[in-house]
Amino acid sequence: DWLFNDCERMEVVMPLQCDELTAQTEQH
């Protein structure tokens, strides 16, 4: 499932990236 969802390329490792992900979710 990790490979199927392209997690190797899309993985988030920094808290700042989580904030950006949350903002994108709220906007779209």
mmCIF file of all heavy atoms, coordinates in Angstrom:
data_MODEL
# 
_entry.id   MODEL 
# 
loop_
_atom_site.group_PDB 
_atom_site.id 
_atom_site.type_symbol 
_atom_site.label_atom_id 
_atom_site.label_alt_id 
_atom_site.label_comp_id 
_atom_site.label_asym_id 
_atom_site.label_entity_id 
_atom_site.label_seq_id 
_atom_site.pdbx_PDB_ins_code 
_atom_site.Cartn_x 
_atom_site.Cartn_y 
_atom_site.Cartn_z 
_atom_site.occupancy 
_atom_site.B_iso_or_equiv 
_atom_site.pdbx_formal_charge 
_atom_site.auth_seq_id 
_atom_site.auth_comp_id 
_atom_site.auth_asym_id 
_atom_site.auth_atom_id 
_atom_site.pdbx_PDB_model_num 
ATOM 1   N N   . ASP A 1 1  ? 0.824   -1.206 0.000  1.00 0.00 ? 1  ASP A N   1 
ATOM 2   C CA  . ASP A 1 1  ? 0.000   0.000  0.000  1.00 0.00 ? 1  ASP A CA  1 
ATOM 3   C C   . ASP A 1 1  ? 0.863   1.263  0.000  1.00 0.00 ? 1  ASP A C   1 
ATOM 4   O O   . ASP A 1 1  ? 0.518   2.273  -0.613 1.00 0.00 ? 1  ASP A O   1 
ATOM 5   C CB  . ASP A 1 1  ? -0.925  0.011  1.226  1.00 0.00 ? 1  ASP A CB  1 
ATOM 6   C CG  . ASP A 1 1  ? -2.042  -1.016 1.104  1.00 0.00 ? 1  ASP A CG  1 
ATOM 7   O OD1 . ASP A 1 1  ? -2.349  -1.421 -0.024 1.00 0.00 ? 1  ASP A OD1 1 
ATOM 8   O OD2 . ASP A 1 1  ? -2.592  -1.421 2.151  1.00 0.00 ? 1  ASP A OD2 1 
ATOM 9   N N   . TRP A 1 2  ? 1.987   1.194  0.685  1.00 0.00 ? 2  TRP A N   1 
ATOM 10  C CA  . TRP A 1 2  ? 2.917   2.329  0.741  1.00 0.00 ? 2  TRP A CA  1 
ATOM 11  C C   . TRP A 1 2  ? 3.450   2.637  -0.658 1.00 0.00 ? 2  TRP A C   1 
ATOM 12  O O   . TRP A 1 2  ? 3.524   3.802  -1.070 1.00 0.00 ? 2  TRP A O   1 
ATOM 13  C CB  . TRP A 1 2  ? 4.049   1.994  1.700  1.00 0.00 ? 2  TRP A CB  1 
ATOM 14  C CG  . TRP A 1 2  ? 4.960   3.136  2.040  1.00 0.00 ? 2  TRP A CG  1 
ATOM 15  C CD1 . TRP A 1 2  ? 6.151   3.440  1.461  1.00 0.00 ? 2  TRP A CD1 1 
ATOM 16  C CD2 . TRP A 1 2  ? 4.743   4.133  3.048  1.00 0.00 ? 2  TRP A CD2 1 
ATOM 17  N NE1 . TRP A 1 2  ? 6.699   4.551  2.044  1.00 0.00 ? 2  TRP A NE1 1 
ATOM 18  C CE2 . TRP A 1 2  ? 5.866   5.011  3.015  1.00 0.00 ? 2  TRP A CE2 1 
ATOM 19  C CE3 . TRP A 1 2  ? 3.734   4.372  3.971  1.00 0.00 ? 2  TRP A CE3 1 
ATOM 20  C CZ2 . TRP A 1 2  ? 5.989   6.095  3.881  1.00 0.00 ? 2  TRP A CZ2 1 
ATOM 21  C CZ3 . TRP A 1 2  ? 3.853   5.453  4.834  1.00 0.00 ? 2  TRP A CZ3 1 
ATOM 22  C CH2 . TRP A 1 2  ? 4.955   6.306  4.785  1.00 0.00 ? 2  TRP A CH2 1 
ATOM 23  N N   . LEU A 1 3  ? 3.816   1.605  -1.393 1.00 0.00 ? 3  LEU A N   1 
ATOM 24  C CA  . LEU A 1 3  ? 4.311   1.799  -2.754 1.00 0.00 ? 3  LEU A CA  1 
ATOM 25  C C   . LEU A 1 3  ? 3.188   2.201  -3.703 1.00 0.00 ? 3  LEU A C   1 
ATOM 26  O O   . LEU A 1 3  ? 3.373   3.043  -4.579 1.00 0.00 ? 3  LEU A O   1 
ATOM 27  C CB  . LEU A 1 3  ? 4.983   0.517  -3.251 1.00 0.00 ? 3  LEU A CB  1 
ATOM 28  C CG  . LEU A 1 3  ? 6.218   0.047  -2.476 1.00 0.00 ? 3  LEU A CG  1 
ATOM 29  C CD1 . LEU A 1 3  ? 6.692   -1.304 -3.001 1.00 0.00 ? 3  LEU A CD1 1 
ATOM 30  C CD2 . LEU A 1 3  ? 7.336   1.078  -2.554 1.00 0.00 ? 3  LEU A CD2 1 
ATOM 31  N N   . PHE A 1 4  ? 2.016   1.607  -3.541 1.00 0.00 ? 4  PHE A N   1 
ATOM 32  C CA  . PHE A 1 4  ? 0.887   1.892  -4.420 1.00 0.00 ? 4  PHE A CA  1 
ATOM 33  C C   . PHE A 1 4  ? 0.473   3.360  -4.332 1.00 0.00 ? 4  PHE A C   1 
ATOM 34  O O   . PHE A 1 4  ? 0.096   3.977  -5.334 1.00 0.00 ? 4  PHE A O   1 
ATOM 35  C CB  . PHE A 1 4  ? -0.300  0.998  -4.047 1.00 0.00 ? 4  PHE A CB  1 
ATOM 36  C CG  . PHE A 1 4  ? -1.535  1.246  -4.865 1.00 0.00 ? 4  PHE A CG  1 
ATOM 37  C CD1 . PHE A 1 4  ? -1.675  0.682  -6.124 1.00 0.00 ? 4  PHE A CD1 1 
ATOM 38  C CD2 . PHE A 1 4  ? -2.557  2.054  -4.377 1.00 0.00 ? 4  PHE A CD2 1 
ATOM 39  C CE1 . PHE A 1 4  ? -2.816  0.911  -6.880 1.00 0.00 ? 4  PHE A CE1 1 
ATOM 40  C CE2 . PHE A 1 4  ? -3.692  2.293  -5.132 1.00 0.00 ? 4  PHE A CE2 1 
ATOM 41  C CZ  . PHE A 1 4  ? -3.825  1.724  -6.386 1.00 0.00 ? 4  PHE A CZ  1 
ATOM 42  N N   . ASN A 1 5  ? 0.553   3.936  -3.134 1.00 0.00 ? 5  ASN A N   1 
ATOM 43  C CA  . ASN A 1 5  ? 0.170   5.329  -2.932 1.00 0.00 ? 5  ASN A CA  1 
ATOM 44  C C   . ASN A 1 5  ? 1.313   6.311  -3.157 1.00 0.00 ? 5  ASN A C   1 
ATOM 45  O O   . ASN A 1 5  ? 1.201   7.481  -2.796 1.00 0.00 ? 5  ASN A O   1 
ATOM 46  C CB  . ASN A 1 5  ? -0.387  5.511  -1.511 1.00 0.00 ? 5  ASN A CB  1 
ATOM 47  C CG  . ASN A 1 5  ? -1.770  4.932  -1.351 1.00 0.00 ? 5  ASN A CG  1 
ATOM 48  O OD1 . ASN A 1 5  ? -2.761  5.527  -1.766 1.00 0.00 ? 5  ASN A OD1 1 
ATOM 49  N ND2 . ASN A 1 5  ? -1.863  3.748  -0.750 1.00 0.00 ? 5  ASN A ND2 1 
ATOM 50  N N   . ASP A 1 6  ? 2.417   5.849  -3.740 1.00 0.00 ? 6  ASP A N   1 
ATOM 51  C CA  . ASP A 1 6  ? 3.561   6.693  -4.080 1.00 0.00 ? 6  ASP A CA  1 
ATOM 52  C C   . ASP A 1 6  ? 4.099   7.416  -2.847 1.00 0.00 ? 6  ASP A C   1 
ATOM 53  O O   . ASP A 1 6  ? 4.502   8.578  -2.911 1.00 0.00 ? 6  ASP A O   1 
ATOM 54  C CB  . ASP A 1 6  ? 3.154   7.713  -5.166 1.00 0.00 ? 6  ASP A CB  1 
ATOM 55  C CG  . ASP A 1 6  ? 4.368   8.287  -5.893 1.00 0.00 ? 6  ASP A CG  1 
ATOM 56  O OD1 . ASP A 1 6  ? 5.448   7.668  -5.802 1.00 0.00 ? 6  ASP A OD1 1 
ATOM 57  O OD2 . ASP A 1 6  ? 4.237   9.354  -6.518 1.00 0.00 ? 6  ASP A OD2 1 
ATOM 58  N N   . CYS A 1 7  ? 4.093   6.700  -1.722 1.00 0.00 ? 7  CYS A N   1 
ATOM 59  C CA  . CYS A 1 7  ? 4.532   7.317  -0.470 1.00 0.00 ? 7  CYS A CA  1 
ATOM 60  C C   . CYS A 1 7  ? 6.024   7.615  -0.445 1.00 0.00 ? 7  CYS A C   1 
ATOM 61  O O   . CYS A 1 7  ? 6.469   8.504  0.282  1.00 0.00 ? 7  CYS A O   1 
ATOM 62  C CB  . CYS A 1 7  ? 4.163   6.424  0.709  1.00 0.00 ? 7  CYS A CB  1 
ATOM 63  S SG  . CYS A 1 7  ? 2.383   6.161  0.909  1.00 0.00 ? 7  CYS A SG  1 
ATOM 64  N N   . GLU A 1 8  ? 6.805   6.885  -1.216 1.00 0.00 ? 8  GLU A N   1 
ATOM 65  C CA  . GLU A 1 8  ? 8.248   7.138  -1.256 1.00 0.00 ? 8  GLU A CA  1 
ATOM 66  C C   . GLU A 1 8  ? 8.543   8.554  -1.747 1.00 0.00 ? 8  GLU A C   1 
ATOM 67  O O   . GLU A 1 8  ? 9.494   9.190  -1.314 1.00 0.00 ? 8  GLU A O   1 
ATOM 68  C CB  . GLU A 1 8  ? 8.918   6.117  -2.196 1.00 0.00 ? 8  GLU A CB  1 
ATOM 69  C CG  . GLU A 1 8  ? 8.763   4.676  -1.760 1.00 0.00 ? 8  GLU A CG  1 
ATOM 70  C CD  . GLU A 1 8  ? 9.898   4.212  -0.882 1.00 0.00 ? 8  GLU A CD  1 
ATOM 71  O OE1 . GLU A 1 8  ? 11.045  4.592  -1.177 1.00 0.00 ? 8  GLU A OE1 1 
ATOM 72  O OE2 . GLU A 1 8  ? 9.640   3.497  0.092  1.00 0.00 ? 8  GLU A OE2 1 
ATOM 73  N N   . ARG A 1 9  ? 7.689   9.057  -2.645 1.00 0.00 ? 9  ARG A N   1 
ATOM 74  C CA  . ARG A 1 9  ? 7.885   10.391 -3.212 1.00 0.00 ? 9  ARG A CA  1 
ATOM 75  C C   . ARG A 1 9  ? 7.112   11.460 -2.440 1.00 0.00 ? 9  ARG A C   1 
ATOM 76  O O   . ARG A 1 9  ? 7.586   12.591 -2.295 1.00 0.00 ? 9  ARG A O   1 
ATOM 77  C CB  . ARG A 1 9  ? 7.446   10.404 -4.676 1.00 0.00 ? 9  ARG A CB  1 
ATOM 78  C CG  . ARG A 1 9  ? 7.714   11.709 -5.407 1.00 0.00 ? 9  ARG A CG  1 
ATOM 79  C CD  . ARG A 1 9  ? 7.378   11.574 -6.878 1.00 0.00 ? 9  ARG A CD  1 
ATOM 80  N NE  . ARG A 1 9  ? 5.955   11.294 -7.073 1.00 0.00 ? 9  ARG A NE  1 
ATOM 81  C CZ  . ARG A 1 9  ? 5.017   12.240 -7.172 1.00 0.00 ? 9  ARG A CZ  1 
ATOM 82  N NH1 . ARG A 1 9  ? 5.356   13.520 -7.092 1.00 0.00 ? 9  ARG A NH1 1 
ATOM 83  N NH2 . ARG A 1 9  ? 3.763   11.919 -7.367 1.00 0.00 ? 9  ARG A NH2 1 
ATOM 84  N N   . MET A 1 10 ? 5.963   11.101 -1.895 1.00 0.00 ? 10 MET A N   1 
ATOM 85  C CA  . MET A 1 10 ? 5.080   12.084 -1.267 1.00 0.00 ? 10 MET A CA  1 
ATOM 86  C C   . MET A 1 10 ? 5.218   12.135 0.249  1.00 0.00 ? 10 MET A C   1 
ATOM 87  O O   . MET A 1 10 ? 4.512   12.889 0.906  1.00 0.00 ? 10 MET A O   1 
ATOM 88  C CB  . MET A 1 10 ? 3.623   11.754 -1.621 1.00 0.00 ? 10 MET A CB  1 
ATOM 89  C CG  . MET A 1 10 ? 3.327   11.708 -3.113 1.00 0.00 ? 10 MET A CG  1 
ATOM 90  S SD  . MET A 1 10 ? 3.548   13.313 -3.920 1.00 0.00 ? 10 MET A SD  1 
ATOM 91  C CE  . MET A 1 10 ? 2.215   14.233 -3.143 1.00 0.00 ? 10 MET A CE  1 
ATOM 92  N N   . GLU A 1 11 ? 6.117   11.350 0.833  1.00 0.00 ? 11 GLU A N   1 
ATOM 93  C CA  . GLU A 1 11 ? 6.197   11.246 2.287  1.00 0.00 ? 11 GLU A CA  1 
ATOM 94  C C   . GLU A 1 11 ? 6.512   12.586 2.944  1.00 0.00 ? 11 GLU A C   1 
ATOM 95  O O   . GLU A 1 11 ? 7.255   13.421 2.423  1.00 0.00 ? 11 GLU A O   1 
ATOM 96  C CB  . GLU A 1 11 ? 7.251   10.213 2.679  1.00 0.00 ? 11 GLU A CB  1 
ATOM 97  C CG  . GLU A 1 11 ? 8.655   10.558 2.216  1.00 0.00 ? 11 GLU A CG  1 
ATOM 98  C CD  . GLU A 1 11 ? 9.642   9.429  2.439  1.00 0.00 ? 11 GLU A CD  1 
ATOM 99  O OE1 . GLU A 1 11 ? 9.221   8.261  2.502  1.00 0.00 ? 11 GLU A OE1 1 
ATOM 100 O OE2 . GLU A 1 11 ? 10.846  9.730  2.543  1.00 0.00 ? 11 GLU A OE2 1 
ATOM 101 N N   . VAL A 1 12 ? 5.916   12.801 4.119  1.00 0.00 ? 12 VAL A N   1 
ATOM 102 C CA  . VAL A 1 12 ? 6.101   14.012 4.914  1.00 0.00 ? 12 VAL A CA  1 
ATOM 103 C C   . VAL A 1 12 ? 6.951   13.656 6.122  1.00 0.00 ? 12 VAL A C   1 
ATOM 104 O O   . VAL A 1 12 ? 6.648   12.701 6.845  1.00 0.00 ? 12 VAL A O   1 
ATOM 105 C CB  . VAL A 1 12 ? 4.746   14.583 5.375  1.00 0.00 ? 12 VAL A CB  1 
ATOM 106 C CG1 . VAL A 1 12 ? 4.942   15.789 6.281  1.00 0.00 ? 12 VAL A CG1 1 
ATOM 107 C CG2 . VAL A 1 12 ? 3.894   14.949 4.167  1.00 0.00 ? 12 VAL A CG2 1 
ATOM 108 N N   . VAL A 1 13 ? 8.034   14.419 6.357  1.00 0.00 ? 13 VAL A N   1 
ATOM 109 C CA  . VAL A 1 13 ? 8.955   14.113 7.451  1.00 0.00 ? 13 VAL A CA  1 
ATOM 110 C C   . VAL A 1 13 ? 9.183   15.294 8.384  1.00 0.00 ? 13 VAL A C   1 
ATOM 111 O O   . VAL A 1 13 ? 9.817   15.132 9.424  1.00 0.00 ? 13 VAL A O   1 
ATOM 112 C CB  . VAL A 1 13 ? 10.317  13.629 6.892  1.00 0.00 ? 13 VAL A CB  1 
ATOM 113 C CG1 . VAL A 1 13 ? 10.159  12.311 6.148  1.00 0.00 ? 13 VAL A CG1 1 
ATOM 114 C CG2 . VAL A 1 13 ? 10.945  14.677 5.980  1.00 0.00 ? 13 VAL A CG2 1 
ATOM 115 N N   . MET A 1 14 ? 8.652   16.481 8.039  1.00 0.00 ? 14 MET A N   1 
ATOM 116 C CA  . MET A 1 14 ? 8.869   17.675 8.855  1.00 0.00 ? 14 MET A CA  1 
ATOM 117 C C   . MET A 1 14 ? 7.531   18.242 9.323  1.00 0.00 ? 14 MET A C   1 
ATOM 118 O O   . MET A 1 14 ? 6.546   18.215 8.580  1.00 0.00 ? 14 MET A O   1 
ATOM 119 C CB  . MET A 1 14 ? 9.613   18.739 8.042  1.00 0.00 ? 14 MET A CB  1 
ATOM 120 C CG  . MET A 1 14 ? 10.989  18.289 7.546  1.00 0.00 ? 14 MET A CG  1 
ATOM 121 S SD  . MET A 1 14 ? 12.165  18.058 8.902  1.00 0.00 ? 14 MET A SD  1 
ATOM 122 C CE  . MET A 1 14 ? 12.388  19.771 9.405  1.00 0.00 ? 14 MET A CE  1 
ATOM 123 N N   . PRO A 1 15 ? 7.474   18.764 10.573 1.00 0.00 ? 15 PRO A N   1 
ATOM 124 C CA  . PRO A 1 15 ? 6.226   19.357 11.071 1.00 0.00 ? 15 PRO A CA  1 
ATOM 125 C C   . PRO A 1 15 ? 5.700   20.478 10.177 1.00 0.00 ? 15 PRO A C   1 
ATOM 126 O O   . PRO A 1 15 ? 4.483   20.635 10.029 1.00 0.00 ? 15 PRO A O   1 
ATOM 127 C CB  . PRO A 1 15 ? 6.621   19.885 12.455 1.00 0.00 ? 15 PRO A CB  1 
ATOM 128 C CG  . PRO A 1 15 ? 7.785   19.044 12.869 1.00 0.00 ? 15 PRO A CG  1 
ATOM 129 C CD  . PRO A 1 15 ? 8.526   18.740 11.605 1.00 0.00 ? 15 PRO A CD  1 
ATOM 130 N N   . LEU A 1 16 ? 6.601   21.272 9.576  1.00 0.00 ? 16 LEU A N   1 
ATOM 131 C CA  . LEU A 1 16 ? 6.173   22.365 8.707  1.00 0.00 ? 16 LEU A CA  1 
ATOM 132 C C   . LEU A 1 16 ? 5.411   21.826 7.503  1.00 0.00 ? 16 LEU A C   1 
ATOM 133 O O   . LEU A 1 16 ? 4.442   22.426 7.046  1.00 0.00 ? 16 LEU A O   1 
ATOM 134 C CB  . LEU A 1 16 ? 7.398   23.169 8.246  1.00 0.00 ? 16 LEU A CB  1 
ATOM 135 C CG  . LEU A 1 16 ? 7.106   24.404 7.367  1.00 0.00 ? 16 LEU A CG  1 
ATOM 136 C CD1 . LEU A 1 16 ? 6.231   25.391 8.136  1.00 0.00 ? 16 LEU A CD1 1 
ATOM 137 C CD2 . LEU A 1 16 ? 8.398   25.070 6.925  1.00 0.00 ? 16 LEU A CD2 1 
ATOM 138 N N   . GLN A 1 17 ? 5.813   20.675 7.017  1.00 0.00 ? 17 GLN A N   1 
ATOM 139 C CA  . GLN A 1 17 ? 5.109   20.063 5.888  1.00 0.00 ? 17 GLN A CA  1 
ATOM 140 C C   . GLN A 1 17 ? 3.705   19.635 6.295  1.00 0.00 ? 17 GLN A C   1 
ATOM 141 O O   . GLN A 1 17 ? 2.779   19.683 5.483  1.00 0.00 ? 17 GLN A O   1 
ATOM 142 C CB  . GLN A 1 17 ? 5.908   18.847 5.376  1.00 0.00 ? 17 GLN A CB  1 
ATOM 143 C CG  . GLN A 1 17 ? 7.235   19.202 4.730  1.00 0.00 ? 17 GLN A CG  1 
ATOM 144 C CD  . GLN A 1 17 ? 8.021   17.962 4.346  1.00 0.00 ? 17 GLN A CD  1 
ATOM 145 O OE1 . GLN A 1 17 ? 8.470   17.198 5.203  1.00 0.00 ? 17 GLN A OE1 1 
ATOM 146 N NE2 . GLN A 1 17 ? 8.179   17.744 3.049  1.00 0.00 ? 17 GLN A NE2 1 
ATOM 147 N N   . CYS A 1 18 ? 3.551   19.231 7.548  1.00 0.00 ? 18 CYS A N   1 
ATOM 148 C CA  . CYS A 1 18 ? 2.212   18.864 8.039  1.00 0.00 ? 18 CYS A CA  1 
ATOM 149 C C   . CYS A 1 18 ? 1.299   20.083 8.032  1.00 0.00 ? 18 CYS A C   1 
ATOM 150 O O   . CYS A 1 18 ? 0.115   19.992 7.682  1.00 0.00 ? 18 CYS A O   1 
ATOM 151 C CB  . CYS A 1 18 ? 2.296   18.291 9.450  1.00 0.00 ? 18 CYS A CB  1 
ATOM 152 S SG  . CYS A 1 18 ? 3.064   16.662 9.533  1.00 0.00 ? 18 CYS A SG  1 
ATOM 153 N N   . ASP A 1 19 ? 1.840   21.233 8.448  1.00 0.00 ? 19 ASP A N   1 
ATOM 154 C CA  . ASP A 1 19 ? 1.042   22.468 8.446  1.00 0.00 ? 19 ASP A CA  1 
ATOM 155 C C   . ASP A 1 19 ? 0.613   22.836 7.033  1.00 0.00 ? 19 ASP A C   1 
ATOM 156 O O   . ASP A 1 19 ? -0.534  23.237 6.797  1.00 0.00 ? 19 ASP A O   1 
ATOM 157 C CB  . ASP A 1 19 ? 1.850   23.609 9.068  1.00 0.00 ? 19 ASP A CB  1 
ATOM 158 C CG  . ASP A 1 19 ? 2.184   23.360 10.534 1.00 0.00 ? 19 ASP A CG  1 
ATOM 159 O OD1 . ASP A 1 19 ? 1.454   22.564 11.165 1.00 0.00 ? 19 ASP A OD1 1 
ATOM 160 O OD2 . ASP A 1 19 ? 3.162   23.941 11.033 1.00 0.00 ? 19 ASP A OD2 1 
ATOM 161 N N   . GLU A 1 20 ? 1.543   22.694 6.086  1.00 0.00 ? 20 GLU A N   1 
ATOM 162 C CA  . GLU A 1 20 ? 1.207   22.995 4.689  1.00 0.00 ? 20 GLU A CA  1 
ATOM 163 C C   . GLU A 1 20 ? 0.153   22.024 4.161  1.00 0.00 ? 20 GLU A C   1 
ATOM 164 O O   . GLU A 1 20 ? -0.762  22.423 3.431  1.00 0.00 ? 20 GLU A O   1 
ATOM 165 C CB  . GLU A 1 20 ? 2.474   22.906 3.830  1.00 0.00 ? 20 GLU A CB  1 
ATOM 166 C CG  . GLU A 1 20 ? 3.520   23.962 4.162  1.00 0.00 ? 20 GLU A CG  1 
ATOM 167 C CD  . GLU A 1 20 ? 4.806   23.757 3.388  1.00 0.00 ? 20 GLU A CD  1 
ATOM 168 O OE1 . GLU A 1 20 ? 4.907   22.725 2.688  1.00 0.00 ? 20 GLU A OE1 1 
ATOM 169 O OE2 . GLU A 1 20 ? 5.709   24.618 3.483  1.00 0.00 ? 20 GLU A OE2 1 
ATOM 170 N N   . LEU A 1 21 ? 0.268   20.771 4.568  1.00 0.00 ? 21 LEU A N   1 
ATOM 171 C CA  . LEU A 1 21 ? -0.710  19.769 4.139  1.00 0.00 ? 21 LEU A CA  1 
ATOM 172 C C   . LEU A 1 21 ? -2.090  20.080 4.698  1.00 0.00 ? 21 LEU A C   1 
ATOM 173 O O   . LEU A 1 21 ? -3.094  19.966 4.004  1.00 0.00 ? 21 LEU A O   1 
ATOM 174 C CB  . LEU A 1 21 ? -0.245  18.384 4.601  1.00 0.00 ? 21 LEU A CB  1 
ATOM 175 C CG  . LEU A 1 21 ? -1.080  17.189 4.147  1.00 0.00 ? 21 LEU A CG  1 
ATOM 176 C CD1 . LEU A 1 21 ? -1.036  17.059 2.624  1.00 0.00 ? 21 LEU A CD1 1 
ATOM 177 C CD2 . LEU A 1 21 ? -0.581  15.910 4.795  1.00 0.00 ? 21 LEU A CD2 1 
ATOM 178 N N   . THR A 1 22 ? -2.130  20.510 5.962  1.00 0.00 ? 22 THR A N   1 
ATOM 179 C CA  . THR A 1 22 ? -3.408  20.874 6.583  1.00 0.00 ? 22 THR A CA  1 
ATOM 180 C C   . THR A 1 22 ? -4.013  22.082 5.891  1.00 0.00 ? 22 THR A C   1 
ATOM 181 O O   . THR A 1 22 ? -5.229  22.133 5.642  1.00 0.00 ? 22 THR A O   1 
ATOM 182 C CB  . THR A 1 22 ? -3.198  21.174 8.074  1.00 0.00 ? 22 THR A CB  1 
ATOM 183 O OG1 . THR A 1 22 ? -2.617  20.035 8.707  1.00 0.00 ? 22 THR A OG1 1 
ATOM 184 C CG2 . THR A 1 22 ? -4.512  21.511 8.752  1.00 0.00 ? 22 THR A CG2 1 
ATOM 185 N N   . ALA A 1 23 ? -3.175  23.077 5.566  1.00 0.00 ? 23 ALA A N   1 
ATOM 186 C CA  . ALA A 1 23 ? -3.672  24.280 4.884  1.00 0.00 ? 23 ALA A CA  1 
ATOM 187 C C   . ALA A 1 23 ? -4.239  23.934 3.512  1.00 0.00 ? 23 ALA A C   1 
ATOM 188 O O   . ALA A 1 23 ? -5.291  24.449 3.115  1.00 0.00 ? 23 ALA A O   1 
ATOM 189 C CB  . ALA A 1 23 ? -2.537  25.296 4.751  1.00 0.00 ? 23 ALA A CB  1 
ATOM 190 N N   . GLN A 1 24 ? -3.560  23.065 2.786  1.00 0.00 ? 24 GLN A N   1 
ATOM 191 C CA  . GLN A 1 24 ? -4.056  22.649 1.476  1.00 0.00 ? 24 GLN A CA  1 
ATOM 192 C C   . GLN A 1 24 ? -5.384  21.923 1.591  1.00 0.00 ? 24 GLN A C   1 
ATOM 193 O O   . GLN A 1 24 ? -6.284  22.097 0.767  1.00 0.00 ? 24 GLN A O   1 
ATOM 194 C CB  . GLN A 1 24 ? -3.020  21.745 0.796  1.00 0.00 ? 24 GLN A CB  1 
ATOM 195 C CG  . GLN A 1 24 ? -1.745  22.466 0.389  1.00 0.00 ? 24 GLN A CG  1 
ATOM 196 C CD  . GLN A 1 24 ? -0.705  21.512 -0.166 1.00 0.00 ? 24 GLN A CD  1 
ATOM 197 O OE1 . GLN A 1 24 ? -0.959  20.314 -0.308 1.00 0.00 ? 24 GLN A OE1 1 
ATOM 198 N NE2 . GLN A 1 24 ? 0.476   22.037 -0.475 1.00 0.00 ? 24 GLN A NE2 1 
ATOM 199 N N   . THR A 1 25 ? -5.521  21.126 2.633  1.00 0.00 ? 25 THR A N   1 
ATOM 200 C CA  . THR A 1 25 ? -6.770  20.384 2.838  1.00 0.00 ? 25 THR A CA  1 
ATOM 201 C C   . THR A 1 25 ? -7.921  21.332 3.122  1.00 0.00 ? 25 THR A C   1 
ATOM 202 O O   . THR A 1 25 ? -9.039  21.151 2.637  1.00 0.00 ? 25 THR A O   1 
ATOM 203 C CB  . THR A 1 25 ? -6.607  19.392 3.994  1.00 0.00 ? 25 THR A CB  1 
ATOM 204 O OG1 . THR A 1 25 ? -5.513  18.511 3.712  1.00 0.00 ? 25 THR A OG1 1 
ATOM 205 C CG2 . THR A 1 25 ? -7.870  18.565 4.185  1.00 0.00 ? 25 THR A CG2 1 
ATOM 206 N N   . GLU A 1 26 ? -7.638  22.380 3.932  1.00 0.00 ? 26 GLU A N   1 
ATOM 207 C CA  . GLU A 1 26 ? -8.686  23.346 4.257  1.00 0.00 ? 26 GLU A CA  1 
ATOM 208 C C   . GLU A 1 26 ? -9.071  24.190 3.045  1.00 0.00 ? 26 GLU A C   1 
ATOM 209 O O   . GLU A 1 26 ? -10.236 24.563 2.886  1.00 0.00 ? 26 GLU A O   1 
ATOM 210 C CB  . GLU A 1 26 ? -8.196  24.249 5.396  1.00 0.00 ? 26 GLU A CB  1 
ATOM 211 C CG  . GLU A 1 26 ? -8.030  23.512 6.724  1.00 0.00 ? 26 GLU A CG  1 
ATOM 212 C CD  . GLU A 1 26 ? -7.431  24.403 7.790  1.00 0.00 ? 26 GLU A CD  1 
ATOM 213 O OE1 . GLU A 1 26 ? -6.989  25.528 7.429  1.00 0.00 ? 26 GLU A OE1 1 
ATOM 214 O OE2 . GLU A 1 26 ? -7.389  23.988 8.961  1.00 0.00 ? 26 GLU A OE2 1 
ATOM 215 N N   . GLN A 1 27 ? -8.110  24.488 2.175  1.00 0.00 ? 27 GLN A N   1 
ATOM 216 C CA  . GLN A 1 27 ? -8.395  25.307 0.994  1.00 0.00 ? 27 GLN A CA  1 
ATOM 217 C C   . GLN A 1 27 ? -9.113  24.511 -0.092 1.00 0.00 ? 27 GLN A C   1 
ATOM 218 O O   . GLN A 1 27 ? -9.932  25.048 -0.829 1.00 0.00 ? 27 GLN A O   1 
ATOM 219 C CB  . GLN A 1 27 ? -7.080  25.880 0.425  1.00 0.00 ? 27 GLN A CB  1 
ATOM 220 C CG  . GLN A 1 27 ? -6.441  26.923 1.323  1.00 0.00 ? 27 GLN A CG  1 
ATOM 221 C CD  . GLN A 1 27 ? -5.110  27.401 0.766  1.00 0.00 ? 27 GLN A CD  1 
ATOM 222 O OE1 . GLN A 1 27 ? -4.712  27.008 -0.331 1.00 0.00 ? 27 GLN A OE1 1 
ATOM 223 N NE2 . GLN A 1 27 ? -4.420  28.263 1.518  1.00 0.00 ? 27 GLN A NE2 1 
ATOM 224 N N   . HIS A 1 28 ? -8.806  23.216 -0.188 1.00 0.00 ? 28 HIS A N   1 
ATOM 225 C CA  . HIS A 1 28 ? -9.400  22.385 -1.236 1.00 0.00 ? 28 HIS A CA  1 
ATOM 226 C C   . HIS A 1 28 ? -10.012 21.131 -0.617 1.00 0.00 ? 28 HIS A C   1 
ATOM 227 O O   . HIS A 1 28 ? -9.525  20.018 -0.832 1.00 0.00 ? 28 HIS A O   1 
ATOM 228 C CB  . HIS A 1 28 ? -8.334  21.991 -2.272 1.00 0.00 ? 28 HIS A CB  1 
ATOM 229 C CG  . HIS A 1 28 ? -7.605  23.164 -2.856 1.00 0.00 ? 28 HIS A CG  1 
ATOM 230 N ND1 . HIS A 1 28 ? -8.153  23.997 -3.791 1.00 0.00 ? 28 HIS A ND1 1 
ATOM 231 C CD2 . HIS A 1 28 ? -6.349  23.640 -2.607 1.00 0.00 ? 28 HIS A CD2 1 
ATOM 232 C CE1 . HIS A 1 28 ? -7.276  24.949 -4.121 1.00 0.00 ? 28 HIS A CE1 1 
ATOM 233 N NE2 . HIS A 1 28 ? -6.168  24.752 -3.409 1.00 0.00 ? 28 HIS A NE2 1 
# 
